[in-house]
Amino acid sequence: MGATKTEHFTDKQNAIATLAKALGHPARIAIIEYLLKVDTCICGDIVNELPLAQPTVSQHLKELKNAGLIKGEIEGNSICYCIDEKAFQKLQAYFTNISTKAENKKSNCC
């Protein structure tokens, strides 16, 4: 049964799952937090902030970029990365919505 069957879910569900999967590693969370702290930076700066090798940091940056959580622009020999605000607005809207629904739900569970 190796297929993920993502076609059985809505586009919105697949999009949120992609964003959540990209955030599913502590190194990626650290990268996001660093980018929020400094606003923009180059990959070398991120490597200096994390206890990881440059190729590992590059792989994490690639995953975050592919998910749409960060943007990267080539500046000379470096790539300048920054947060993609639209992706975080989607996450915020999703979590606000489910949090509100959970708070308003009268549950007899557990």
PDB file of N, CA and C in Angstrom:
ATOM      1  N   MET A   1       0.800  -1.172   0.000  1.00  0.00           N
ATOM      2  CA  MET A   1       0.000   0.000   0.000  1.00  0.00           C
ATOM      3  C   MET A   1       0.855   1.253   0.000  1.00  0.00           C
ATOM      4  N   GLY A   2       1.951   1.401  -0.565  1.00  0.00           N
ATOM      5  CA  GLY A   2       2.896   2.491  -0.470  1.00  0.00           C
ATOM      6  C   GLY A   2       2.397   3.863  -0.863  1.00  0.00           C
ATOM      7  N   ALA A   3       1.255   3.980  -1.548  1.00  0.00           N
ATOM      8  CA  ALA A   3       0.769   5.285  -1.996  1.00  0.00           C
ATOM      9  C   ALA A   3       0.212   6.096  -0.828  1.00  0.00           C
ATOM     10  N   THR A   4       0.401   7.407  -0.879  1.00  0.00           N
ATOM     11  CA  THR A   4      -0.087   8.284   0.185  1.00  0.00           C
ATOM     12  C   THR A   4      -1.554   8.651  -0.002  1.00  0.00           C
ATOM     13  N   LYS A   5      -2.055   8.488  -1.222  1.00  0.00           N
ATOM     14  CA  LYS A   5      -3.459   8.766  -1.534  1.00  0.00           C
ATOM     15  C   LYS A   5      -3.856  10.210  -1.239  1.00  0.00           C
ATOM     16  N   THR A   6      -2.956  11.133  -1.484  1.00  0.00           N
ATOM     17  CA  THR A   6      -3.249  12.546  -1.227  1.00  0.00           C
ATOM     18  C   THR A   6      -4.396  13.054  -2.094  1.00  0.00           C
ATOM     19  N   GLU A   7      -4.680  12.377  -3.193  1.00  0.00           N
ATOM     20  CA  GLU A   7      -5.767  12.815  -4.067  1.00  0.00           C
ATOM     21  C   GLU A   7      -7.132  12.664  -3.400  1.00  0.00           C
ATOM     22  N   HIS A   8      -7.206  11.934  -2.291  1.00  0.00           N
ATOM     23  CA  HIS A   8      -8.459  11.745  -1.566  1.00  0.00           C
ATOM     24  C   HIS A   8      -8.757  12.893  -0.604  1.00  0.00           C
ATOM     25  N   PHE A   9      -7.856  13.852  -0.526  1.00  0.00           N
ATOM     26  CA  PHE A   9      -8.011  14.968   0.399  1.00  0.00           C
ATOM     27  C   PHE A   9      -8.100  16.271  -0.374  1.00  0.00           C
ATOM     28  N   THR A  10      -8.617  17.300   0.279  1.00  0.00           N
ATOM     29  CA  THR A  10      -8.791  18.591  -0.395  1.00  0.00           C
ATOM     30  C   THR A  10      -7.434  19.255  -0.642  1.00  0.00           C
ATOM     31  N   ASP A  11      -7.440  20.204  -1.547  1.00  0.00           N
ATOM     32  CA  ASP A  11      -6.221  20.969  -1.814  1.00  0.00           C
ATOM     33  C   ASP A  11      -5.745  21.680  -0.553  1.00  0.00           C
ATOM     34  N   LYS A  12      -6.699  22.207   0.224  1.00  0.00           N
ATOM     35  CA  LYS A  12      -6.348  22.910   1.457  1.00  0.00           C
ATOM     36  C   LYS A  12      -5.706  21.953   2.459  1.00  0.00           C
ATOM     37  N   GLN A  13      -6.267  20.762   2.610  1.00  0.00           N
ATOM     38  CA  GLN A  13      -5.707  19.772   3.527  1.00  0.00           C
ATOM     39  C   GLN A  13      -4.297  19.369   3.097  1.00  0.00           C
ATOM     40  N   ASN A  14      -4.091  19.170   1.810  1.00  0.00           N
ATOM     41  CA  ASN A  14      -2.759  18.823   1.304  1.00  0.00           C
ATOM     42  C   ASN A  14      -1.772  19.959   1.503  1.00  0.00           C
ATOM     43  N   ALA A  15      -2.230  21.204   1.309  1.00  0.00           N
ATOM     44  CA  ALA A  15      -1.340  22.355   1.467  1.00  0.00           C
ATOM     45  C   ALA A  15      -0.904  22.513   2.923  1.00  0.00           C
ATOM     46  N   ILE A  16      -1.844  22.386   3.849  1.00  0.00           N
ATOM     47  CA  ILE A  16      -1.505  22.501   5.277  1.00  0.00           C
ATOM     48  C   ILE A  16      -0.577  21.365   5.675  1.00  0.00           C
ATOM     49  N   ALA A  17      -0.831  20.166   5.182  1.00  0.00           N
ATOM     50  CA  ALA A  17       0.023  19.016   5.505  1.00  0.00           C
ATOM     51  C   ALA A  17       1.447  19.225   4.991  1.00  0.00           C
ATOM     52  N   THR A  18       1.591  19.803   3.823  1.00  0.00           N
ATOM     53  CA  THR A  18       2.917  20.090   3.270  1.00  0.00           C
ATOM     54  C   THR A  18       3.673  21.078   4.149  1.00  0.00           C
ATOM     55  N   LEU A  19       2.981  22.134   4.571  1.00  0.00           N
ATOM     56  CA  LEU A  19       3.612  23.123   5.447  1.00  0.00           C
ATOM     57  C   LEU A  19       3.987  22.498   6.792  1.00  0.00           C
ATOM     58  N   ALA A  20       3.084  21.712   7.344  1.00  0.00           N
ATOM     59  CA  ALA A  20       3.345  21.086   8.639  1.00  0.00           C
ATOM     60  C   ALA A  20       4.496  20.087   8.550  1.00  0.00           C
ATOM     61  N   LYS A  21       4.555  19.346   7.463  1.00  0.00           N
ATOM     62  CA  LYS A  21       5.644  18.376   7.289  1.00  0.00           C
ATOM     63  C   LYS A  21       6.993  19.096   7.225  1.00  0.00           C
ATOM     64  N   ALA A  22       7.021  20.224   6.531  1.00  0.00           N
ATOM     65  CA  ALA A  22       8.275  20.978   6.428  1.00  0.00           C
ATOM     66  C   ALA A  22       8.713  21.518   7.782  1.00  0.00           C
ATOM     67  N   LEU A  23       7.768  21.768   8.664  1.00  0.00           N
ATOM     68  CA  LEU A  23       8.088  22.271  10.005  1.00  0.00           C
ATOM     69  C   LEU A  23       8.375  21.135  10.992  1.00  0.00           C
ATOM     70  N   GLY A  24       8.326  19.899  10.506  1.00  0.00           N
ATOM     71  CA  GLY A  24       8.445  18.747  11.374  1.00  0.00           C
ATOM     72  C   GLY A  24       9.851  18.337  11.758  1.00  0.00           C
ATOM     73  N   HIS A  25      10.794  19.251  11.719  1.00  0.00           N
ATOM     74  CA  HIS A  25      12.165  18.946  12.136  1.00  0.00           C
ATOM     75  C   HIS A  25      12.689  20.131  12.953  1.00  0.00           C
ATOM     76  N   PRO A  26      13.325  19.870  14.094  1.00  0.00           N
ATOM     77  CA  PRO A  26      13.786  20.988  14.935  1.00  0.00           C
ATOM     78  C   PRO A  26      14.792  21.906  14.253  1.00  0.00           C
ATOM     79  N   ALA A  27      15.581  21.392  13.334  1.00  0.00           N
ATOM     80  CA  ALA A  27      16.528  22.258  12.619  1.00  0.00           C
ATOM     81  C   ALA A  27      15.783  23.266  11.756  1.00  0.00           C
ATOM     82  N   ARG A  28      14.674  22.848  11.179  1.00  0.00           N
ATOM     83  CA  ARG A  28      13.889  23.761  10.333  1.00  0.00           C
ATOM     84  C   ARG A  28      13.195  24.811  11.187  1.00  0.00           C
ATOM     85  N   ILE A  29      12.749  24.415  12.362  1.00  0.00           N
ATOM     86  CA  ILE A  29      12.164  25.391  13.291  1.00  0.00           C
ATOM     87  C   ILE A  29      13.228  26.413  13.680  1.00  0.00           C
ATOM     88  N   ALA A  30      14.449  25.953  13.956  1.00  0.00           N
ATOM     89  CA  ALA A  30      15.552  26.854  14.309  1.00  0.00           C
ATOM     90  C   ALA A  30      15.863  27.811  13.157  1.00  0.00           C
ATOM     91  N   ILE A  31      15.815  27.312  11.936  1.00  0.00           N
ATOM     92  CA  ILE A  31      16.065  28.165  10.763  1.00  0.00           C
ATOM     93  C   ILE A  31      14.983  29.239  10.661  1.00  0.00           C
ATOM     94  N   ILE A  32      13.719  28.845  10.811  1.00  0.00           N
ATOM     95  CA  ILE A  32      12.612  29.804  10.752  1.00  0.00           C
ATOM     96  C   ILE A  32      12.781  30.865  11.841  1.00  0.00           C
ATOM     97  N   GLU A  33      13.085  30.426  13.048  1.00  0.00           N
ATOM     98  CA  GLU A  33      13.264  31.379  14.148  1.00  0.00           C
ATOM     99  C   GLU A  33      14.422  32.333  13.877  1.00  0.00           C
ATOM    100  N   TYR A  34      15.497  31.832  13.297  1.00  0.00           N
ATOM    101  CA  TYR A  34      16.637  32.690  12.972  1.00  0.00           C
ATOM    102  C   TYR A  34      16.254  33.708  11.900  1.00  0.00           C
ATOM    103  N   LEU A  35      15.552  33.254  10.870  1.00  0.00           N
ATOM    104  CA  LEU A  35      15.145  34.171   9.805  1.00  0.00           C
ATOM    105  C   LEU A  35      14.201  35.248  10.340  1.00  0.00           C
ATOM    106  N   LEU A  36      13.343  34.878  11.276  1.00  0.00           N
ATOM    107  CA  LEU A  36      12.459  35.875  11.883  1.00  0.00           C
ATOM    108  C   LEU A  36      13.249  36.888  12.707  1.00  0.00           C
ATOM    109  N   LYS A  37      14.298  36.413  13.352  1.00  0.00           N
ATOM    110  CA  LYS A  37      15.118  37.289  14.199  1.00  0.00           C
ATOM    111  C   LYS A  37      15.921  38.290  13.371  1.00  0.00           C
ATOM    112  N   VAL A  38      16.506  37.843  12.263  1.00  0.00           N
ATOM    113  CA  VAL A  38      17.393  38.721  11.497  1.00  0.00           C
ATOM    114  C   VAL A  38      16.738  39.313  10.256  1.00  0.00           C
ATOM    115  N   ASP A  39      15.518  38.875   9.925  1.00  0.00           N
ATOM    116  CA  ASP A  39      14.746  39.324   8.780  1.00  0.00           C
ATOM    117  C   ASP A  39      15.231  38.695   7.478  1.00  0.00           C
ATOM    118  N   THR A  40      16.515  38.817   7.133  1.00  0.00           N
ATOM    119  CA  THR A  40      17.072  38.138   5.963  1.00  0.00           C
ATOM    120  C   THR A  40      18.497  37.717   6.308  1.00  0.00           C
ATOM    121  N   CYS A  41      19.003  36.782   5.551  1.00  0.00           N
ATOM    122  CA  CYS A  41      20.389  36.366   5.774  1.00  0.00           C
ATOM    123  C   CYS A  41      20.846  35.518   4.591  1.00  0.00           C
ATOM    124  N   ILE A  42      22.100  35.146   4.607  1.00  0.00           N
ATOM    125  CA  ILE A  42      22.613  34.229   3.608  1.00  0.00           C
ATOM    126  C   ILE A  42      22.828  32.876   4.265  1.00  0.00           C
ATOM    127  N   CYS A  43      22.976  31.854   3.481  1.00  0.00           N
ATOM    128  CA  CYS A  43      23.107  30.498   4.009  1.00  0.00           C
ATOM    129  C   CYS A  43      24.263  30.372   4.985  1.00  0.00           C
ATOM    130  N   GLY A  44      25.361  31.015   4.720  1.00  0.00           N
ATOM    131  CA  GLY A  44      26.521  30.937   5.608  1.00  0.00           C
ATOM    132  C   GLY A  44      26.212  31.411   7.015  1.00  0.00           C
ATOM    133  N   ASP A  45      25.387  32.438   7.135  1.00  0.00           N
ATOM    134  CA  ASP A  45      24.981  32.924   8.453  1.00  0.00           C
ATOM    135  C   ASP A  45      24.200  31.859   9.201  1.00  0.00           C
ATOM    136  N   ILE A  46      23.340  31.160   8.497  1.00  0.00           N
ATOM    137  CA  ILE A  46      22.528  30.118   9.123  1.00  0.00           C
ATOM    138  C   ILE A  46      23.419  28.974   9.579  1.00  0.00           C
ATOM    139  N   VAL A  47      24.393  28.605   8.773  1.00  0.00           N
ATOM    140  CA  VAL A  47      25.320  27.529   9.130  1.00  0.00           C
ATOM    141  C   VAL A  47      26.057  27.881  10.420  1.00  0.00           C
ATOM    142  N   ASN A  48      26.412  29.138  10.587  1.00  0.00           N
ATOM    143  CA  ASN A  48      27.106  29.570  11.802  1.00  0.00           C
ATOM    144  C   ASN A  48      26.215  29.519  13.040  1.00  0.00           C
ATOM    145  N   GLU A  49      24.906  29.546  12.850  1.00  0.00           N
ATOM    146  CA  GLU A  49      23.961  29.548  13.963  1.00  0.00           C
ATOM    147  C   GLU A  49      23.553  28.142  14.413  1.00  0.00           C
ATOM    148  N   LEU A  50      23.730  27.160  13.560  1.00  0.00           N
ATOM    149  CA  LEU A  50      23.257  25.809  13.860  1.00  0.00           C
ATOM    150  C   LEU A  50      24.421  24.834  14.017  1.00  0.00           C
ATOM    151  N   PRO A  51      24.240  23.811  14.827  1.00  0.00           N
ATOM    152  CA  PRO A  51      25.297  22.811  15.009  1.00  0.00           C
ATOM    153  C   PRO A  51      25.248  21.736  13.919  1.00  0.00           C
ATOM    154  N   LEU A  52      25.092  22.185  12.668  1.00  0.00           N
ATOM    155  CA  LEU A  52      24.966  21.260  11.542  1.00  0.00           C
ATOM    156  C   LEU A  52      25.940  21.641  10.431  1.00  0.00           C
ATOM    157  N   ALA A  53      26.296  20.664   9.630  1.00  0.00           N
ATOM    158  CA  ALA A  53      27.181  20.905   8.492  1.00  0.00           C
ATOM    159  C   ALA A  53      26.447  21.695   7.414  1.00  0.00           C
ATOM    160  N   GLN A  54      27.205  22.400   6.604  1.00  0.00           N
ATOM    161  CA  GLN A  54      26.631  23.232   5.545  1.00  0.00           C
ATOM    162  C   GLN A  54      25.719  22.436   4.612  1.00  0.00           C
ATOM    163  N   PRO A  55      26.107  21.229   4.151  1.00  0.00           N
ATOM    164  CA  PRO A  55      25.192  20.489   3.269  1.00  0.00           C
ATOM    165  C   PRO A  55      23.866  20.130   3.949  1.00  0.00           C
ATOM    166  N   THR A  56      23.907  19.866   5.239  1.00  0.00           N
ATOM    167  CA  THR A  56      22.687  19.541   5.981  1.00  0.00           C
ATOM    168  C   THR A  56      21.790  20.761   6.081  1.00  0.00           C
ATOM    169  N   VAL A  57      22.362  21.909   6.382  1.00  0.00           N
ATOM    170  CA  VAL A  57      21.587  23.148   6.446  1.00  0.00           C
ATOM    171  C   VAL A  57      20.988  23.444   5.071  1.00  0.00           C
ATOM    172  N   SER A  58      21.757  23.251   4.025  1.00  0.00           N
ATOM    173  CA  SER A  58      21.252  23.489   2.668  1.00  0.00           C
ATOM    174  C   SER A  58      20.055  22.595   2.353  1.00  0.00           C
ATOM    175  N   GLN A  59      20.102  21.352   2.793  1.00  0.00           N
ATOM    176  CA  GLN A  59      18.988  20.429   2.563  1.00  0.00           C
ATOM    177  C   GLN A  59      17.739  20.899   3.311  1.00  0.00           C
ATOM    178  N   HIS A  60      17.913  21.350   4.545  1.00  0.00           N
ATOM    179  CA  HIS A  60      16.773  21.863   5.308  1.00  0.00           C
ATOM    180  C   HIS A  60      16.211  23.132   4.665  1.00  0.00           C
ATOM    181  N   LEU A  61      17.078  24.001   4.180  1.00  0.00           N
ATOM    182  CA  LEU A  61      16.620  25.206   3.480  1.00  0.00           C
ATOM    183  C   LEU A  61      15.828  24.836   2.230  1.00  0.00           C
ATOM    184  N   LYS A  62      16.294  23.837   1.523  1.00  0.00           N
ATOM    185  CA  LYS A  62      15.605  23.373   0.317  1.00  0.00           C
ATOM    186  C   LYS A  62      14.204  22.867   0.658  1.00  0.00           C
ATOM    187  N   GLU A  63      14.078  22.108   1.733  1.00  0.00           N
ATOM    188  CA  GLU A  63      12.766  21.599   2.149  1.00  0.00           C
ATOM    189  C   GLU A  63      11.824  22.739   2.524  1.00  0.00           C
ATOM    190  N   LEU A  64      12.331  23.714   3.256  1.00  0.00           N
ATOM    191  CA  LEU A  64      11.513  24.862   3.634  1.00  0.00           C
ATOM    192  C   LEU A  64      11.097  25.678   2.412  1.00  0.00           C
ATOM    193  N   LYS A  65      12.004  25.825   1.468  1.00  0.00           N
ATOM    194  CA  LYS A  65      11.703  26.581   0.247  1.00  0.00           C
ATOM    195  C   LYS A  65      10.695  25.830  -0.618  1.00  0.00           C
ATOM    196  N   ASN A  66      10.875  24.520  -0.768  1.00  0.00           N
ATOM    197  CA  ASN A  66       9.944  23.722  -1.569  1.00  0.00           C
ATOM    198  C   ASN A  66       8.529  23.754  -0.985  1.00  0.00           C
ATOM    199  N   ALA A  67       8.428  23.835   0.323  1.00  0.00           N
ATOM    200  CA  ALA A  67       7.119  23.904   0.969  1.00  0.00           C
ATOM    201  C   ALA A  67       6.506  25.299   0.874  1.00  0.00           C
ATOM    202  N   GLY A  68       7.320  26.285   0.524  1.00  0.00           N
ATOM    203  CA  GLY A  68       6.826  27.652   0.394  1.00  0.00           C
ATOM    204  C   GLY A  68       6.914  28.470   1.668  1.00  0.00           C
ATOM    205  N   LEU A  69       7.626  27.961   2.667  1.00  0.00           N
ATOM    206  CA  LEU A  69       7.745  28.683   3.929  1.00  0.00           C
ATOM    207  C   LEU A  69       8.799  29.781   3.880  1.00  0.00           C
ATOM    208  N   ILE A  70       9.794  29.624   3.011  1.00  0.00           N
ATOM    209  CA  ILE A  70      10.815  30.653   2.838  1.00  0.00           C
ATOM    210  C   ILE A  70      10.999  30.937   1.358  1.00  0.00           C
ATOM    211  N   LYS A  71      11.580  32.093   1.090  1.00  0.00           N
ATOM    212  CA  LYS A  71      11.940  32.480  -0.277  1.00  0.00           C
ATOM    213  C   LYS A  71      13.449  32.648  -0.313  1.00  0.00           C
ATOM    214  N   GLY A  72      14.034  32.427  -1.468  1.00  0.00           N
ATOM    215  CA  GLY A  72      15.467  32.614  -1.621  1.00  0.00           C
ATOM    216  C   GLY A  72      15.784  33.294  -2.933  1.00  0.00           C
ATOM    217  N   GLU A  73      16.650  34.296  -2.856  1.00  0.00           N
ATOM    218  CA  GLU A  73      17.088  35.021  -4.057  1.00  0.00           C
ATOM    219  C   GLU A  73      18.602  34.971  -4.151  1.00  0.00           C
ATOM    220  N   ILE A  74      19.080  34.781  -5.360  1.00  0.00           N
ATOM    221  CA  ILE A  74      20.519  34.733  -5.588  1.00  0.00           C
ATOM    222  C   ILE A  74      21.065  36.158  -5.576  1.00  0.00           C
ATOM    223  N   GLU A  75      22.077  36.358  -4.738  1.00  0.00           N
ATOM    224  CA  GLU A  75      22.779  37.646  -4.667  1.00  0.00           C
ATOM    225  C   GLU A  75      24.266  37.352  -4.761  1.00  0.00           C
ATOM    226  N   GLY A  76      24.816  37.502  -5.950  1.00  0.00           N
ATOM    227  CA  GLY A  76      26.224  37.182  -6.164  1.00  0.00           C
ATOM    228  C   GLY A  76      26.443  35.683  -6.054  1.00  0.00           C
ATOM    229  N   ASN A  77      27.346  35.278  -5.170  1.00  0.00           N
ATOM    230  CA  ASN A  77      27.626  33.856  -4.976  1.00  0.00           C
ATOM    231  C   ASN A  77      26.796  33.245  -3.852  1.00  0.00           C
ATOM    232  N   SER A  78      25.904  34.004  -3.271  1.00  0.00           N
ATOM    233  CA  SER A  78      25.119  33.538  -2.130  1.00  0.00           C
ATOM    234  C   SER A  78      23.635  33.573  -2.451  1.00  0.00           C
ATOM    235  N   ILE A  79      22.875  32.896  -1.614  1.00  0.00           N
ATOM    236  CA  ILE A  79      21.424  32.962  -1.699  1.00  0.00           C
ATOM    237  C   ILE A  79      20.932  33.619  -0.418  1.00  0.00           C
ATOM    238  N   CYS A  80      20.136  34.659  -0.576  1.00  0.00           N
ATOM    239  CA  CYS A  80      19.562  35.373   0.558  1.00  0.00           C
ATOM    240  C   CYS A  80      18.173  34.801   0.814  1.00  0.00           C
ATOM    241  N   TYR A  81      17.962  34.292   2.028  1.00  0.00           N
ATOM    242  CA  TYR A  81      16.693  33.679   2.386  1.00  0.00           C
ATOM    243  C   TYR A  81      15.884  34.592   3.276  1.00  0.00           C
ATOM    244  N   CYS A  82      14.555  34.522   3.145  1.00  0.00           N
ATOM    245  CA  CYS A  82      13.649  35.240   4.029  1.00  0.00           C
ATOM    246  C   CYS A  82      12.347  34.455   4.157  1.00  0.00           C
ATOM    247  N   ILE A  83      11.566  34.829   5.135  1.00  0.00           N
ATOM    248  CA  ILE A  83      10.284  34.188   5.403  1.00  0.00           C
ATOM    249  C   ILE A  83       9.290  34.544   4.302  1.00  0.00           C
ATOM    250  N   ASP A  84       8.462  33.586   3.908  1.00  0.00           N
ATOM    251  CA  ASP A  84       7.346  33.865   3.003  1.00  0.00           C
ATOM    252  C   ASP A  84       6.100  34.077   3.870  1.00  0.00           C
ATOM    253  N   GLU A  85       5.717  35.317   4.037  1.00  0.00           N
ATOM    254  CA  GLU A  85       4.633  35.668   4.945  1.00  0.00           C
ATOM    255  C   GLU A  85       3.322  34.987   4.584  1.00  0.00           C
ATOM    256  N   LYS A  86       3.061  34.775   3.300  1.00  0.00           N
ATOM    257  CA  LYS A  86       1.795  34.180   2.868  1.00  0.00           C
ATOM    258  C   LYS A  86       1.614  32.779   3.435  1.00  0.00           C
ATOM    259  N   ALA A  87       2.674  32.002   3.485  1.00  0.00           N
ATOM    260  CA  ALA A  87       2.578  30.640   4.026  1.00  0.00           C
ATOM    261  C   ALA A  87       2.232  30.678   5.502  1.00  0.00           C
ATOM    262  N   PHE A  88       2.822  31.608   6.234  1.00  0.00           N
ATOM    263  CA  PHE A  88       2.541  31.699   7.663  1.00  0.00           C
ATOM    264  C   PHE A  88       1.154  32.276   7.932  1.00  0.00           C
ATOM    265  N   GLN A  89       0.652  33.100   7.027  1.00  0.00           N
ATOM    266  CA  GLN A  89      -0.723  33.577   7.148  1.00  0.00           C
ATOM    267  C   GLN A  89      -1.695  32.413   6.986  1.00  0.00           C
ATOM    268  N   LYS A  90      -1.396  31.499   6.058  1.00  0.00           N
ATOM    269  CA  LYS A  90      -2.230  30.308   5.868  1.00  0.00           C
ATOM    270  C   LYS A  90      -2.222  29.444   7.126  1.00  0.00           C
ATOM    271  N   LEU A  91      -1.034  29.225   7.690  1.00  0.00           N
ATOM    272  CA  LEU A  91      -0.932  28.431   8.914  1.00  0.00           C
ATOM    273  C   LEU A  91      -1.678  29.100  10.065  1.00  0.00           C
ATOM    274  N   GLN A  92      -1.507  30.401  10.188  1.00  0.00           N
ATOM    275  CA  GLN A  92      -2.180  31.124  11.267  1.00  0.00           C
ATOM    276  C   GLN A  92      -3.694  31.007  11.127  1.00  0.00           C
ATOM    277  N   ALA A  93      -4.202  31.190   9.923  1.00  0.00           N
ATOM    278  CA  ALA A  93      -5.650  31.090   9.696  1.00  0.00           C
ATOM    279  C   ALA A  93      -6.153  29.687  10.016  1.00  0.00           C
ATOM    280  N   TYR A  94      -5.394  28.683   9.594  1.00  0.00           N
ATOM    281  CA  TYR A  94      -5.799  27.299   9.852  1.00  0.00           C
ATOM    282  C   TYR A  94      -5.839  27.008  11.348  1.00  0.00           C
ATOM    283  N   PHE A  95      -4.757  27.341  12.066  1.00  0.00           N
ATOM    284  CA  PHE A  95      -4.697  27.037  13.491  1.00  0.00           C
ATOM    285  C   PHE A  95      -5.662  27.898  14.310  1.00  0.00           C
ATOM    286  N   THR A  96      -5.908  29.117  13.888  1.00  0.00           N
ATOM    287  CA  THR A  96      -6.907  29.944  14.558  1.00  0.00           C
ATOM    288  C   THR A  96      -8.286  29.309  14.403  1.00  0.00           C
ATOM    289  N   ASN A  97      -8.581  28.853  13.194  1.00  0.00           N
ATOM    290  CA  ASN A  97      -9.871  28.235  12.916  1.00  0.00           C
ATOM    291  C   ASN A  97     -10.070  26.967  13.749  1.00  0.00           C
ATOM    292  N   ILE A  98      -9.089  26.075  13.754  1.00  0.00           N
ATOM    293  CA  ILE A  98      -9.292  24.830  14.502  1.00  0.00           C
ATOM    294  C   ILE A  98      -9.249  25.070  16.008  1.00  0.00           C
ATOM    295  N   SER A  99      -8.479  26.048  16.457  1.00  0.00           N
ATOM    296  CA  SER A  99      -8.447  26.374  17.885  1.00  0.00           C
ATOM    297  C   SER A  99      -9.792  26.916  18.340  1.00  0.00           C
ATOM    298  N   THR A 100     -10.373  27.786  17.537  1.00  0.00           N
ATOM    299  CA  THR A 100     -11.681  28.353  17.863  1.00  0.00           C
ATOM    300  C   THR A 100     -12.732  27.252  17.905  1.00  0.00           C
ATOM    301  N   LYS A 101     -12.699  26.370  16.930  1.00  0.00           N
ATOM    302  CA  LYS A 101     -13.662  25.263  16.905  1.00  0.00           C
ATOM    303  C   LYS A 101     -13.471  24.343  18.113  1.00  0.00           C
ATOM    304  N   ALA A 102     -12.241  24.073  18.478  1.00  0.00           N
ATOM    305  CA  ALA A 102     -11.970  23.210  19.630  1.00  0.00           C
ATOM    306  C   ALA A 102     -12.438  23.854  20.923  1.00  0.00           C
ATOM    307  N   GLU A 103     -12.246  25.159  21.059  1.00  0.00           N
ATOM    308  CA  GLU A 103     -12.676  25.874  22.261  1.00  0.00           C
ATOM    309  C   GLU A 103     -14.195  25.896  22.388  1.00  0.00           C
ATOM    310  N   ASN A 104     -14.874  26.005  21.242  1.00  0.00           N
ATOM    311  CA  ASN A 104     -16.326  26.118  21.249  1.00  0.00           C
ATOM    312  C   ASN A 104     -17.028  24.757  21.317  1.00  0.00           C
ATOM    313  N   LYS A 105     -16.304  23.709  21.113  1.00  0.00           N
ATOM    314  CA  LYS A 105     -16.894  22.374  21.080  1.00  0.00           C
ATOM    315  C   LYS A 105     -17.097  21.867  22.511  1.00  0.00           C
ATOM    316  N   LYS A 106     -18.295  21.411  22.762  1.00  0.00           N
ATOM    317  CA  LYS A 106     -18.603  20.774  24.043  1.00  0.00           C
ATOM    318  C   LYS A 106     -18.360  19.287  23.845  1.00  0.00           C
ATOM    319  N   SER A 107     -17.307  18.785  24.437  1.00  0.00           N
ATOM    320  CA  SER A 107     -16.921  17.403  24.213  1.00  0.00           C
ATOM    321  C   SER A 107     -17.175  16.538  25.431  1.00  0.00           C
ATOM    322  N   ASN A 108     -17.673  15.358  25.183  1.00  0.00           N
ATOM    323  CA  ASN A 108     -17.850  14.357  26.223  1.00  0.00           C
ATOM    324  C   ASN A 108     -16.725  13.326  26.158  1.00  0.00           C
ATOM    325  N   CYS A 109     -15.734  13.621  25.404  1.00  0.00           N
ATOM    326  CA  CYS A 109     -14.645  12.685  25.174  1.00  0.00           C
ATOM    327  C   CYS A 109     -13.646  12.720  26.341  1.00  0.00           C
ATOM    328  N   CYS A 110     -13.208  11.581  26.741  1.00  0.00           N
ATOM    329  CA  CYS A 110     -12.150  11.398  27.751  1.00  0.00           C
ATOM    330  C   CYS A 110     -12.361  12.283  28.946  1.00  0.00           C
TER     331      CYS A 110
END
